[in-house]
C-alpha cells in the first residue's frame, strides 16, 4: 500500500535480491534483512513483442525489460510503459508506476517508465 519496492539482503555476502527470496544463492543462508529501495534503476536489456496472446498483461506491442534497481544485485524483469521502441536504450534510467488499486503481487507495479 505504500508503493515501495523492497529487497532482501544476505547477512553474509550482503547481496541484495529483488524480488526477495528465502535463501542466498551464493551463501545458502536464510535471508531476513529487508530494505527499501528507491525503485529507480537502469534498463539492462529489453525486448518488444509485436503479437498478442491471451496471457499478455497489456495489448501489443508489449515492452519487457530487465531493470537493475539502484541498490540491488539482481535484475527485475518487468513491463516498460510510456515508451516507443525507438526510444529504448540500454542504460536508460527508469522508475516505477504503481497501480491505483494494489493486490499484493508483482503486477502492482504497472510498469517502469523513463525518468
PDB file of N, CA and C in Angstrom:
ATOM      1  N   UNK A   1       0.807  -1.206   0.000  1.00  0.00           N
ATOM      2  CA  UNK A   1       0.000   0.000   0.000  1.00  0.00           C
ATOM      3  C   UNK A   1       0.846   1.264   0.000  1.00  0.00           C
ATOM      4  N   UNK A   2       2.119   1.146   0.347  1.00  0.00           N
ATOM      5  CA  UNK A   2       2.973   2.329   0.445  1.00  0.00           C
ATOM      6  C   UNK A   2       3.766   2.594  -0.824  1.00  0.00           C
ATOM      7  N   UNK A   3       3.497   1.816  -1.875  1.00  0.00           N
ATOM      8  CA  UNK A   3       4.194   1.990  -3.153  1.00  0.00           C
ATOM      9  C   UNK A   3       5.706   1.930  -2.969  1.00  0.00           C
ATOM     10  N   UNK A   4       6.142   0.904  -2.286  1.00  0.00           N
ATOM     11  CA  UNK A   4       7.565   0.701  -2.034  1.00  0.00           C
ATOM     12  C   UNK A   4       8.017  -0.580  -2.715  1.00  0.00           C
ATOM     13  N   UNK A   5       9.261  -0.594  -3.129  1.00  0.00           N
ATOM     14  CA  UNK A   5       9.876  -1.813  -3.633  1.00  0.00           C
ATOM     15  C   UNK A   5      10.892  -2.248  -2.590  1.00  0.00           C
ATOM     16  N   UNK A   6      10.714  -3.479  -2.119  1.00  0.00           N
ATOM     17  CA  UNK A   6      11.554  -3.998  -1.056  1.00  0.00           C
ATOM     18  C   UNK A   6      12.514  -5.048  -1.607  1.00  0.00           C
ATOM     19  N   UNK A   7      13.717  -5.042  -1.076  1.00  0.00           N
ATOM     20  CA  UNK A   7      14.700  -6.064  -1.374  1.00  0.00           C
ATOM     21  C   UNK A   7      15.044  -6.797  -0.096  1.00  0.00           C
ATOM     22  N   UNK A   8      15.803  -7.857  -0.228  1.00  0.00           N
ATOM     23  CA  UNK A   8      16.248  -8.604   0.940  1.00  0.00           C
ATOM     24  C   UNK A   8      17.748  -8.846   0.804  1.00  0.00           C
ATOM     25  N   UNK A   9      18.487  -8.609   1.908  1.00  0.00           N
ATOM     26  CA  UNK A   9      19.951  -8.645   1.873  1.00  0.00           C
ATOM     27  C   UNK A   9      20.483  -9.874   2.612  1.00  0.00           C
ATOM     28  N   UNK A  10      21.516 -10.452   2.026  1.00  0.00           N
ATOM     29  CA  UNK A  10      22.199 -11.578   2.656  1.00  0.00           C
ATOM     30  C   UNK A  10      23.080 -11.045   3.786  1.00  0.00           C
ATOM     31  N   UNK A  11      22.971 -11.611   4.989  1.00  0.00           N
ATOM     32  CA  UNK A  11      23.798 -11.142   6.103  1.00  0.00           C
ATOM     33  C   UNK A  11      25.271 -11.527   5.954  1.00  0.00           C
ATOM     34  N   UNK A  12      25.562 -12.478   5.082  1.00  0.00           N
ATOM     35  CA  UNK A  12      26.937 -12.943   4.926  1.00  0.00           C
ATOM     36  C   UNK A  12      27.666 -12.218   3.790  1.00  0.00           C
ATOM     37  N   UNK A  13      27.103 -12.248   2.570  1.00  0.00           N
ATOM     38  CA  UNK A  13      27.783 -11.641   1.415  1.00  0.00           C
ATOM     39  C   UNK A  13      27.226 -10.261   1.053  1.00  0.00           C
ATOM     40  N   UNK A  14      26.125  -9.859   1.692  1.00  0.00           N
ATOM     41  CA  UNK A  14      25.489  -8.548   1.510  1.00  0.00           C
ATOM     42  C   UNK A  14      24.835  -8.366   0.141  1.00  0.00           C
ATOM     43  N   UNK A  15      24.653  -9.448  -0.597  1.00  0.00           N
ATOM     44  CA  UNK A  15      23.962  -9.396  -1.887  1.00  0.00           C
ATOM     45  C   UNK A  15      22.497  -9.042  -1.637  1.00  0.00           C
ATOM     46  N   UNK A  16      21.946  -8.114  -2.447  1.00  0.00           N
ATOM     47  CA  UNK A  16      20.552  -7.677  -2.311  1.00  0.00           C
ATOM     48  C   UNK A  16      19.738  -8.265  -3.454  1.00  0.00           C
ATOM     49  N   UNK A  17      18.666  -8.986  -3.096  1.00  0.00           N
ATOM     50  CA  UNK A  17      17.800  -9.652  -4.073  1.00  0.00           C
ATOM     51  C   UNK A  17      16.482  -8.910  -4.240  1.00  0.00           C
ATOM     52  N   UNK A  18      16.118  -8.700  -5.496  1.00  0.00           N
ATOM     53  CA  UNK A  18      14.805  -8.180  -5.862  1.00  0.00           C
ATOM     54  C   UNK A  18      14.381  -8.941  -7.113  1.00  0.00           C
ATOM     55  N   UNK A  19      13.281  -9.666  -7.092  1.00  0.00           N
ATOM     56  CA  UNK A  19      12.396  -9.846  -5.956  1.00  0.00           C
ATOM     57  C   UNK A  19      13.061 -10.667  -4.853  1.00  0.00           C
ATOM     58  N   UNK A  20      12.526 -10.513  -3.627  1.00  0.00           N
ATOM     59  CA  UNK A  20      13.096 -11.221  -2.486  1.00  0.00           C
ATOM     60  C   UNK A  20      13.010 -12.743  -2.642  1.00  0.00           C
ATOM     61  N   UNK A  21      13.909 -13.422  -1.975  1.00  0.00           N
ATOM     62  CA  UNK A  21      13.927 -14.884  -1.952  1.00  0.00           C
ATOM     63  C   UNK A  21      14.241 -15.346  -0.536  1.00  0.00           C
ATOM     64  N   UNK A  22      14.101 -16.625  -0.278  1.00  0.00           N
ATOM     65  CA  UNK A  22      14.305 -17.150   1.070  1.00  0.00           C
ATOM     66  C   UNK A  22      15.756 -17.423   1.419  1.00  0.00           C
ATOM     67  N   UNK A  23      16.556 -17.807   0.403  1.00  0.00           N
ATOM     68  CA  UNK A  23      17.926 -18.245   0.649  1.00  0.00           C
ATOM     69  C   UNK A  23      18.872 -17.564  -0.338  1.00  0.00           C
ATOM     70  N   UNK A  24      20.054 -17.185   0.131  1.00  0.00           N
ATOM     71  CA  UNK A  24      21.068 -16.597  -0.743  1.00  0.00           C
ATOM     72  C   UNK A  24      21.584 -17.666  -1.698  1.00  0.00           C
ATOM     73  N   UNK A  25      21.632 -17.349  -2.980  1.00  0.00           N
ATOM     74  CA  UNK A  25      22.108 -18.325  -3.965  1.00  0.00           C
ATOM     75  C   UNK A  25      23.625 -18.509  -3.918  1.00  0.00           C
ATOM     76  N   UNK A  26      24.327 -17.603  -3.274  1.00  0.00           N
ATOM     77  CA  UNK A  26      25.785 -17.694  -3.153  1.00  0.00           C
ATOM     78  C   UNK A  26      26.206 -18.380  -1.853  1.00  0.00           C
ATOM     79  N   UNK A  27      25.573 -17.981  -0.750  1.00  0.00           N
ATOM     80  CA  UNK A  27      25.994 -18.449   0.581  1.00  0.00           C
ATOM     81  C   UNK A  27      25.097 -19.538   1.167  1.00  0.00           C
ATOM     82  N   UNK A  28      23.915 -19.687   0.620  1.00  0.00           N
ATOM     83  CA  UNK A  28      22.927 -20.659   1.093  1.00  0.00           C
ATOM     84  C   UNK A  28      22.454 -20.400   2.514  1.00  0.00           C
ATOM     85  N   UNK A  29      22.497 -19.142   2.954  1.00  0.00           N
ATOM     86  CA  UNK A  29      21.979 -18.792   4.275  1.00  0.00           C
ATOM     87  C   UNK A  29      20.566 -18.236   4.123  1.00  0.00           C
ATOM     88  N   UNK A  30      19.770 -18.331   5.189  1.00  0.00           N
ATOM     89  CA  UNK A  30      18.420 -17.791   5.170  1.00  0.00           C
ATOM     90  C   UNK A  30      18.479 -16.269   5.163  1.00  0.00           C
ATOM     91  N   UNK A  31      17.561 -15.665   4.437  1.00  0.00           N
ATOM     92  CA  UNK A  31      17.520 -14.211   4.299  1.00  0.00           C
ATOM     93  C   UNK A  31      16.343 -13.656   5.086  1.00  0.00           C
ATOM     94  N   UNK A  32      16.590 -12.586   5.855  1.00  0.00           N
ATOM     95  CA  UNK A  32      15.507 -11.955   6.604  1.00  0.00           C
ATOM     96  C   UNK A  32      15.732 -10.458   6.833  1.00  0.00           C
ATOM     97  N   UNK A  33      16.754  -9.894   6.199  1.00  0.00           N
ATOM     98  CA  UNK A  33      17.049  -8.466   6.377  1.00  0.00           C
ATOM     99  C   UNK A  33      16.434  -7.673   5.218  1.00  0.00           C
ATOM    100  N   UNK A  34      15.270  -7.083   5.472  1.00  0.00           N
ATOM    101  CA  UNK A  34      14.542  -6.331   4.444  1.00  0.00           C
ATOM    102  C   UNK A  34      15.082  -4.916   4.340  1.00  0.00           C
ATOM    103  N   UNK A  35      15.075  -4.373   3.120  1.00  0.00           N
ATOM    104  CA  UNK A  35      15.428  -2.974   2.950  1.00  0.00           C
ATOM    105  C   UNK A  35      14.604  -2.368   1.822  1.00  0.00           C
ATOM    106  N   UNK A  36      14.282  -1.101   1.991  1.00  0.00           N
ATOM    107  CA  UNK A  36      13.506  -0.375   0.993  1.00  0.00           C
ATOM    108  C   UNK A  36      14.448   0.186  -0.058  1.00  0.00           C
ATOM    109  N   UNK A  37      14.058   0.013  -1.323  1.00  0.00           N
ATOM    110  CA  UNK A  37      14.828   0.574  -2.432  1.00  0.00           C
ATOM    111  C   UNK A  37      14.067   1.759  -3.015  1.00  0.00           C
ATOM    112  N   UNK A  38      14.755   2.617  -3.720  1.00  0.00           N
ATOM    113  CA  UNK A  38      14.106   3.801  -4.293  1.00  0.00           C
ATOM    114  C   UNK A  38      13.137   3.429  -5.408  1.00  0.00           C
ATOM    115  N   UNK A  39      13.368   2.297  -6.066  1.00  0.00           N
ATOM    116  CA  UNK A  39      12.542   1.907  -7.204  1.00  0.00           C
ATOM    117  C   UNK A  39      13.128   2.358  -8.525  1.00  0.00           C
ATOM    118  N   UNK A  40      14.060   3.284  -8.484  1.00  0.00           N
ATOM    119  CA  UNK A  40      14.700   3.736  -9.712  1.00  0.00           C
ATOM    120  C   UNK A  40      15.839   2.808 -10.085  1.00  0.00           C
ATOM    121  N   UNK A  41      16.113   2.736 -11.370  1.00  0.00           N
ATOM    122  CA  UNK A  41      17.192   1.881 -11.817  1.00  0.00           C
ATOM    123  C   UNK A  41      17.519   2.111 -13.274  1.00  0.00           C
ATOM    124  N   UNK A  42      18.289   1.197 -13.830  1.00  0.00           N
ATOM    125  CA  UNK A  42      18.731   1.280 -15.224  1.00  0.00           C
ATOM    126  C   UNK A  42      18.216   0.072 -15.999  1.00  0.00           C
ATOM    127  N   UNK A  43      17.927   0.295 -17.265  1.00  0.00           N
ATOM    128  CA  UNK A  43      17.471  -0.769 -18.141  1.00  0.00           C
ATOM    129  C   UNK A  43      18.683  -1.574 -18.608  1.00  0.00           C
ATOM    130  N   UNK A  44      18.732  -2.857 -18.211  1.00  0.00           N
ATOM    131  CA  UNK A  44      19.860  -3.717 -18.574  1.00  0.00           C
ATOM    132  C   UNK A  44      19.703  -4.298 -19.969  1.00  0.00           C
ATOM    133  N   UNK A  45      18.494  -4.683 -20.303  1.00  0.00           N
ATOM    134  CA  UNK A  45      18.175  -5.215 -21.622  1.00  0.00           C
ATOM    135  C   UNK A  45      16.671  -5.140 -21.813  1.00  0.00           C
ATOM    136  N   UNK A  46      16.207  -5.333 -23.032  1.00  0.00           N
ATOM    137  CA  UNK A  46      14.767  -5.247 -23.302  1.00  0.00           C
ATOM    138  C   UNK A  46      14.423  -6.026 -24.561  1.00  0.00           C
ATOM    139  N   UNK A  47      13.143  -6.275 -24.711  1.00  0.00           N
ATOM    140  CA  UNK A  47      12.618  -6.867 -25.936  1.00  0.00           C
ATOM    141  C   UNK A  47      11.227  -6.308 -26.171  1.00  0.00           C
ATOM    142  N   UNK A  48      10.784  -6.370 -27.423  1.00  0.00           N
ATOM    143  CA  UNK A  48       9.455  -5.898 -27.802  1.00  0.00           C
ATOM    144  C   UNK A  48       8.722  -7.058 -28.453  1.00  0.00           C
ATOM    145  N   UNK A  49       7.510  -7.338 -27.973  1.00  0.00           N
ATOM    146  CA  UNK A  49       6.679  -8.400 -28.530  1.00  0.00           C
ATOM    147  C   UNK A  49       5.569  -7.735 -29.320  1.00  0.00           C
ATOM    148  N   UNK A  50       5.496  -8.028 -30.623  1.00  0.00           N
ATOM    149  CA  UNK A  50       4.565  -7.342 -31.512  1.00  0.00           C
ATOM    150  C   UNK A  50       3.275  -8.108 -31.776  1.00  0.00           C
ATOM    151  N   UNK A  51       3.083  -9.249 -31.147  1.00  0.00           N
ATOM    152  CA  UNK A  51       1.848 -10.005 -31.349  1.00  0.00           C
ATOM    153  C   UNK A  51       1.122 -10.134 -30.011  1.00  0.00           C
ATOM    154  N   UNK A  52      -0.164 -10.420 -30.076  1.00  0.00           N
ATOM    155  CA  UNK A  52      -0.969 -10.532 -28.860  1.00  0.00           C
ATOM    156  C   UNK A  52      -1.194 -11.986 -28.493  1.00  0.00           C
ATOM    157  N   UNK A  53      -1.203 -12.235 -27.202  1.00  0.00           N
ATOM    158  CA  UNK A  53      -1.550 -13.542 -26.641  1.00  0.00           C
ATOM    159  C   UNK A  53      -2.537 -13.277 -25.509  1.00  0.00           C
ATOM    160  N   UNK A  54      -3.434 -14.218 -25.254  1.00  0.00           N
ATOM    161  CA  UNK A  54      -4.426 -14.004 -24.192  1.00  0.00           C
ATOM    162  C   UNK A  54      -3.816 -13.800 -22.804  1.00  0.00           C
ATOM    163  N   UNK A  55      -2.619 -14.311 -22.574  1.00  0.00           N
ATOM    164  CA  UNK A  55      -1.993 -14.191 -21.255  1.00  0.00           C
ATOM    165  C   UNK A  55      -1.153 -12.931 -21.100  1.00  0.00           C
ATOM    166  N   UNK A  56      -0.965 -12.142 -22.161  1.00  0.00           N
ATOM    167  CA  UNK A  56      -0.205 -10.892 -22.027  1.00  0.00           C
ATOM    168  C   UNK A  56      -0.967  -9.926 -21.115  1.00  0.00           C
ATOM    169  N   UNK A  57      -0.269  -9.248 -20.241  1.00  0.00           N
ATOM    170  CA  UNK A  57      -0.947  -8.335 -19.314  1.00  0.00           C
ATOM    171  C   UNK A  57      -1.402  -7.031 -19.955  1.00  0.00           C
ATOM    172  N   UNK A  58      -0.897  -6.715 -21.155  1.00  0.00           N
ATOM    173  CA  UNK A  58      -1.284  -5.493 -21.877  1.00  0.00           C
ATOM    174  C   UNK A  58      -1.391  -5.815 -23.369  1.00  0.00           C
ATOM    175  N   UNK A  59      -1.998  -4.878 -24.115  1.00  0.00           N
ATOM    176  CA  UNK A  59      -2.112  -5.035 -25.566  1.00  0.00           C
ATOM    177  C   UNK A  59      -0.739  -4.901 -26.221  1.00  0.00           C
ATOM    178  N   UNK A  60      -0.568  -5.534 -27.377  1.00  0.00           N
ATOM    179  CA  UNK A  60       0.704  -5.424 -28.094  1.00  0.00           C
ATOM    180  C   UNK A  60       0.805  -4.048 -28.758  1.00  0.00           C
ATOM    181  N   UNK A  61       1.999  -3.565 -28.984  1.00  0.00           N
ATOM    182  CA  UNK A  61       3.264  -4.202 -28.641  1.00  0.00           C
ATOM    183  C   UNK A  61       3.508  -4.173 -27.130  1.00  0.00           C
ATOM    184  N   UNK A  62       4.137  -5.247 -26.636  1.00  0.00           N
ATOM    185  CA  UNK A  62       4.461  -5.375 -25.217  1.00  0.00           C
ATOM    186  C   UNK A  62       5.959  -5.137 -25.066  1.00  0.00           C
ATOM    187  N   UNK A  63       6.323  -4.217 -24.199  1.00  0.00           N
ATOM    188  CA  UNK A  63       7.717  -3.882 -23.940  1.00  0.00           C
ATOM    189  C   UNK A  63       8.125  -4.510 -22.608  1.00  0.00           C
ATOM    190  N   UNK A  64       9.097  -5.419 -22.670  1.00  0.00           N
ATOM    191  CA  UNK A  64       9.620  -6.070 -21.473  1.00  0.00           C
ATOM    192  C   UNK A  64      11.065  -5.636 -21.272  1.00  0.00           C
ATOM    193  N   UNK A  65      11.463  -5.468 -20.016  1.00  0.00           N
ATOM    194  CA  UNK A  65      12.849  -5.122 -19.734  1.00  0.00           C
ATOM    195  C   UNK A  65      13.347  -5.803 -18.477  1.00  0.00           C
ATOM    196  N   UNK A  66      14.650  -5.830 -18.330  1.00  0.00           N
ATOM    197  CA  UNK A  66      15.284  -6.242 -17.071  1.00  0.00           C
ATOM    198  C   UNK A  66      15.785  -4.952 -16.431  1.00  0.00           C
ATOM    199  N   UNK A  67      15.261  -4.662 -15.253  1.00  0.00           N
ATOM    200  CA  UNK A  67      15.596  -3.428 -14.546  1.00  0.00           C
ATOM    201  C   UNK A  67      16.625  -3.748 -13.466  1.00  0.00           C
ATOM    202  N   UNK A  68      17.754  -3.059 -13.514  1.00  0.00           N
ATOM    203  CA  UNK A  68      18.769  -3.159 -12.456  1.00  0.00           C
ATOM    204  C   UNK A  68      18.480  -2.028 -11.482  1.00  0.00           C
ATOM    205  N   UNK A  69      17.743  -2.343 -10.424  1.00  0.00           N
ATOM    206  CA  UNK A  69      17.365  -1.312  -9.461  1.00  0.00           C
ATOM    207  C   UNK A  69      18.576  -0.824  -8.680  1.00  0.00           C
ATOM    208  N   UNK A  70      18.603   0.460  -8.395  1.00  0.00           N
ATOM    209  CA  UNK A  70      19.674   1.036  -7.572  1.00  0.00           C
ATOM    210  C   UNK A  70      19.681   0.330  -6.218  1.00  0.00           C
ATOM    211  N   UNK A  71      20.826  -0.168  -5.822  1.00  0.00           N
ATOM    212  CA  UNK A  71      20.967  -0.839  -4.541  1.00  0.00           C
ATOM    213  C   UNK A  71      20.705  -2.336  -4.574  1.00  0.00           C
ATOM    214  N   UNK A  72      20.309  -2.881  -5.737  1.00  0.00           N
ATOM    215  CA  UNK A  72      20.047  -4.322  -5.863  1.00  0.00           C
ATOM    216  C   UNK A  72      21.158  -4.974  -6.676  1.00  0.00           C
ATOM    217  N   UNK A  73      21.370  -6.248  -6.427  1.00  0.00           N
ATOM    218  CA  UNK A  73      22.389  -7.002  -7.156  1.00  0.00           C
ATOM    219  C   UNK A  73      21.788  -7.915  -8.213  1.00  0.00           C
ATOM    220  N   UNK A  74      20.481  -7.953  -8.298  1.00  0.00           N
ATOM    221  CA  UNK A  74      19.805  -8.803  -9.267  1.00  0.00           C
ATOM    222  C   UNK A  74      18.913  -7.949 -10.160  1.00  0.00           C
ATOM    223  N   UNK A  75      18.647  -8.427 -11.357  1.00  0.00           N
ATOM    224  CA  UNK A  75      17.769  -7.719 -12.274  1.00  0.00           C
ATOM    225  C   UNK A  75      16.325  -8.124 -12.059  1.00  0.00           C
ATOM    226  N   UNK A  76      15.421  -7.173 -12.236  1.00  0.00           N
ATOM    227  CA  UNK A  76      13.992  -7.401 -12.078  1.00  0.00           C
ATOM    228  C   UNK A  76      13.326  -7.356 -13.446  1.00  0.00           C
ATOM    229  N   UNK A  77      12.807  -8.485 -13.938  1.00  0.00           N
ATOM    230  CA  UNK A  77      12.094  -8.452 -15.214  1.00  0.00           C
ATOM    231  C   UNK A  77      10.724  -7.814 -15.018  1.00  0.00           C
ATOM    232  N   UNK A  78      10.380  -6.876 -15.915  1.00  0.00           N
ATOM    233  CA  UNK A  78       9.078  -6.223 -15.787  1.00  0.00           C
ATOM    234  C   UNK A  78       8.693  -5.537 -17.087  1.00  0.00           C
ATOM    235  N   UNK A  79       7.456  -5.048 -17.096  1.00  0.00           N
ATOM    236  CA  UNK A  79       6.928  -4.303 -18.240  1.00  0.00           C
ATOM    237  C   UNK A  79       7.523  -2.900 -18.273  1.00  0.00           C
ATOM    238  N   UNK A  80       7.634  -2.370 -19.482  1.00  0.00           N
ATOM    239  CA  UNK A  80       8.020  -0.977 -19.691  1.00  0.00           C
ATOM    240  C   UNK A  80       6.815  -0.256 -20.269  1.00  0.00           C
ATOM    241  N   UNK A  81       6.621   0.985 -19.882  1.00  0.00           N
ATOM    242  CA  UNK A  81       5.489   1.763 -20.373  1.00  0.00           C
ATOM    243  C   UNK A  81       5.904   3.184 -20.687  1.00  0.00           C
ATOM    244  N   UNK A  82       5.006   3.878 -21.382  1.00  0.00           N
ATOM    245  CA  UNK A  82       5.250   5.259 -21.801  1.00  0.00           C
ATOM    246  C   UNK A  82       6.511   5.348 -22.647  1.00  0.00           C
ATOM    247  N   UNK A  83       6.728   4.319 -23.493  1.00  0.00           N
ATOM    248  CA  UNK A  83       7.904   4.269 -24.357  1.00  0.00           C
ATOM    249  C   UNK A  83       7.497   3.862 -25.768  1.00  0.00           C
ATOM    250  N   UNK A  84       8.356   4.138 -26.715  1.00  0.00           N
ATOM    251  CA  UNK A  84       8.267   3.648 -28.081  1.00  0.00           C
ATOM    252  C   UNK A  84       9.533   2.837 -28.326  1.00  0.00           C
ATOM    253  N   UNK A  85       9.472   1.899 -29.258  1.00  0.00           N
ATOM    254  CA  UNK A  85      10.624   1.016 -29.470  1.00  0.00           C
ATOM    255  C   UNK A  85      11.883   1.780 -29.859  1.00  0.00           C
ATOM    256  N   UNK A  86      11.742   2.886 -30.581  1.00  0.00           N
ATOM    257  CA  UNK A  86      12.935   3.632 -30.991  1.00  0.00           C
ATOM    258  C   UNK A  86      13.486   4.529 -29.882  1.00  0.00           C
ATOM    259  N   UNK A  87      12.762   4.648 -28.759  1.00  0.00           N
ATOM    260  CA  UNK A  87      13.259   5.476 -27.650  1.00  0.00           C
ATOM    261  C   UNK A  87      13.947   4.647 -26.567  1.00  0.00           C
ATOM    262  N   UNK A  88      13.888   3.320 -26.678  1.00  0.00           N
ATOM    263  CA  UNK A  88      14.521   2.453 -25.683  1.00  0.00           C
ATOM    264  C   UNK A  88      16.021   2.377 -25.903  1.00  0.00           C
ATOM    265  N   UNK A  89      16.758   2.336 -24.807  1.00  0.00           N
ATOM    266  CA  UNK A  89      18.210   2.151 -24.913  1.00  0.00           C
ATOM    267  C   UNK A  89      18.732   1.515 -23.635  1.00  0.00           C
ATOM    268  N   UNK A  90      19.727   0.659 -23.803  1.00  0.00           N
ATOM    269  CA  UNK A  90      20.370   0.026 -22.657  1.00  0.00           C
ATOM    270  C   UNK A  90      20.988   1.119 -21.789  1.00  0.00           C
ATOM    271  N   UNK A  91      20.764   1.018 -20.492  1.00  0.00           N
ATOM    272  CA  UNK A  91      21.315   2.001 -19.562  1.00  0.00           C
ATOM    273  C   UNK A  91      20.374   3.147 -19.236  1.00  0.00           C
ATOM    274  N   UNK A  92      19.270   3.289 -19.983  1.00  0.00           N
ATOM    275  CA  UNK A  92      18.358   4.404 -19.691  1.00  0.00           C
ATOM    276  C   UNK A  92      17.782   4.255 -18.285  1.00  0.00           C
ATOM    277  N   UNK A  93      17.577   5.382 -17.630  1.00  0.00           N
ATOM    278  CA  UNK A  93      17.055   5.405 -16.270  1.00  0.00           C
ATOM    279  C   UNK A  93      15.535   5.269 -16.303  1.00  0.00           C
ATOM    280  N   UNK A  94      15.018   4.441 -15.402  1.00  0.00           N
ATOM    281  CA  UNK A  94      13.584   4.193 -15.327  1.00  0.00           C
ATOM    282  C   UNK A  94      13.124   4.214 -13.877  1.00  0.00           C
ATOM    283  N   UNK A  95      11.830   4.402 -13.700  1.00  0.00           N
ATOM    284  CA  UNK A  95      11.216   4.381 -12.374  1.00  0.00           C
ATOM    285  C   UNK A  95       9.849   3.732 -12.448  1.00  0.00           C
ATOM    286  N   UNK A  96       9.322   3.268 -11.312  1.00  0.00           N
ATOM    287  CA  UNK A  96       8.065   2.522 -11.309  1.00  0.00           C
ATOM    288  C   UNK A  96       6.824   3.410 -11.388  1.00  0.00           C
ATOM    289  N   UNK A  97       5.792   2.853 -12.006  1.00  0.00           N
ATOM    290  CA  UNK A  97       4.448   3.427 -11.984  1.00  0.00           C
ATOM    291  C   UNK A  97       3.575   2.353 -11.337  1.00  0.00           C
ATOM    292  N   UNK A  98       2.938   2.693 -10.217  1.00  0.00           N
ATOM    293  CA  UNK A  98       2.140   1.736  -9.474  1.00  0.00           C
ATOM    294  C   UNK A  98       0.671   1.841  -9.859  1.00  0.00           C
ATOM    295  N   UNK A  99      -0.028   0.717  -9.796  1.00  0.00           N
ATOM    296  CA  UNK A  99      -1.478   0.706  -9.989  1.00  0.00           C
ATOM    297  C   UNK A  99      -2.125   1.437  -8.826  1.00  0.00           C
ATOM    298  N   UNK A 100      -3.272   2.030  -9.077  1.00  0.00           N
ATOM    299  CA  UNK A 100      -4.004   2.693  -8.002  1.00  0.00           C
ATOM    300  C   UNK A 100      -4.493   1.671  -6.982  1.00  0.00           C
ATOM    301  N   UNK A 101      -5.074   0.574  -7.483  1.00  0.00           N
ATOM    302  CA  UNK A 101      -5.563  -0.480  -6.588  1.00  0.00           C
ATOM    303  C   UNK A 101      -4.571  -1.634  -6.622  1.00  0.00           C
ATOM    304  N   UNK A 102      -3.853  -1.801  -5.524  1.00  0.00           N
ATOM    305  CA  UNK A 102      -2.842  -2.838  -5.464  1.00  0.00           C
ATOM    306  C   UNK A 102      -3.412  -4.118  -4.856  1.00  0.00           C
ATOM    307  N   UNK A 103      -2.849  -5.268  -5.298  1.00  0.00           N
ATOM    308  CA  UNK A 103      -3.370  -6.573  -4.887  1.00  0.00           C
ATOM    309  C   UNK A 103      -2.320  -7.443  -4.192  1.00  0.00           C
ATOM    310  N   UNK A 104      -1.108  -6.928  -4.030  1.00  0.00           N
ATOM    311  CA  UNK A 104      -0.078  -7.695  -3.339  1.00  0.00           C
ATOM    312  C   UNK A 104       0.686  -8.638  -4.240  1.00  0.00           C
ATOM    313  N   UNK A 105       0.838  -8.294  -5.527  1.00  0.00           N
ATOM    314  CA  UNK A 105       1.648  -9.123  -6.422  1.00  0.00           C
ATOM    315  C   UNK A 105       2.532  -8.230  -7.291  1.00  0.00           C
ATOM    316  N   UNK A 106       3.370  -8.853  -8.111  1.00  0.00           N
ATOM    317  CA  UNK A 106       4.356  -8.105  -8.902  1.00  0.00           C
ATOM    318  C   UNK A 106       3.702  -7.127  -9.877  1.00  0.00           C
ATOM    319  N   UNK A 107       2.478  -7.418 -10.297  1.00  0.00           N
ATOM    320  CA  UNK A 107       1.797  -6.511 -11.222  1.00  0.00           C
ATOM    321  C   UNK A 107       1.183  -5.296 -10.531  1.00  0.00           C
ATOM    322  N   UNK A 108       1.407  -5.160  -9.203  1.00  0.00           N
ATOM    323  CA  UNK A 108       1.069  -3.896  -8.540  1.00  0.00           C
ATOM    324  C   UNK A 108       1.936  -2.775  -9.109  1.00  0.00           C
ATOM    325  N   UNK A 109       3.121  -3.153  -9.601  1.00  0.00           N
ATOM    326  CA  UNK A 109       3.921  -2.208 -10.390  1.00  0.00           C
ATOM    327  C   UNK A 109       3.372  -2.331 -11.804  1.00  0.00           C
ATOM    328  N   UNK A 110       2.678  -1.304 -12.252  1.00  0.00           N
ATOM    329  CA  UNK A 110       2.043  -1.337 -13.573  1.00  0.00           C
ATOM    330  C   UNK A 110       3.101  -1.491 -14.660  1.00  0.00           C
ATOM    331  N   UNK A 111       4.152  -0.686 -14.545  1.00  0.00           N
ATOM    332  CA  UNK A 111       5.296  -0.740 -15.474  1.00  0.00           C
ATOM    333  C   UNK A 111       6.373   0.199 -14.979  1.00  0.00           C
ATOM    334  N   UNK A 112       7.511   0.150 -15.618  1.00  0.00           N
ATOM    335  CA  UNK A 112       8.585   1.120 -15.376  1.00  0.00           C
ATOM    336  C   UNK A 112       8.615   2.057 -16.567  1.00  0.00           C
ATOM    337  N   UNK A 113       8.781   3.344 -16.296  1.00  0.00           N
ATOM    338  CA  UNK A 113       8.818   4.358 -17.361  1.00  0.00           C
ATOM    339  C   UNK A 113      10.130   5.121 -17.319  1.00  0.00           C
ATOM    340  N   UNK A 114      10.503   5.729 -18.445  1.00  0.00           N
ATOM    341  CA  UNK A 114      11.734   6.536 -18.464  1.00  0.00           C
ATOM    342  C   UNK A 114      11.647   7.698 -17.480  1.00  0.00           C
ATOM    343  N   UNK A 115      12.777   8.022 -16.863  1.00  0.00           N
ATOM    344  CA  UNK A 115      12.835   9.172 -15.942  1.00  0.00           C
ATOM    345  C   UNK A 115      13.252  10.409 -16.699  1.00  0.00           C
TER     346      UNK A 115
END
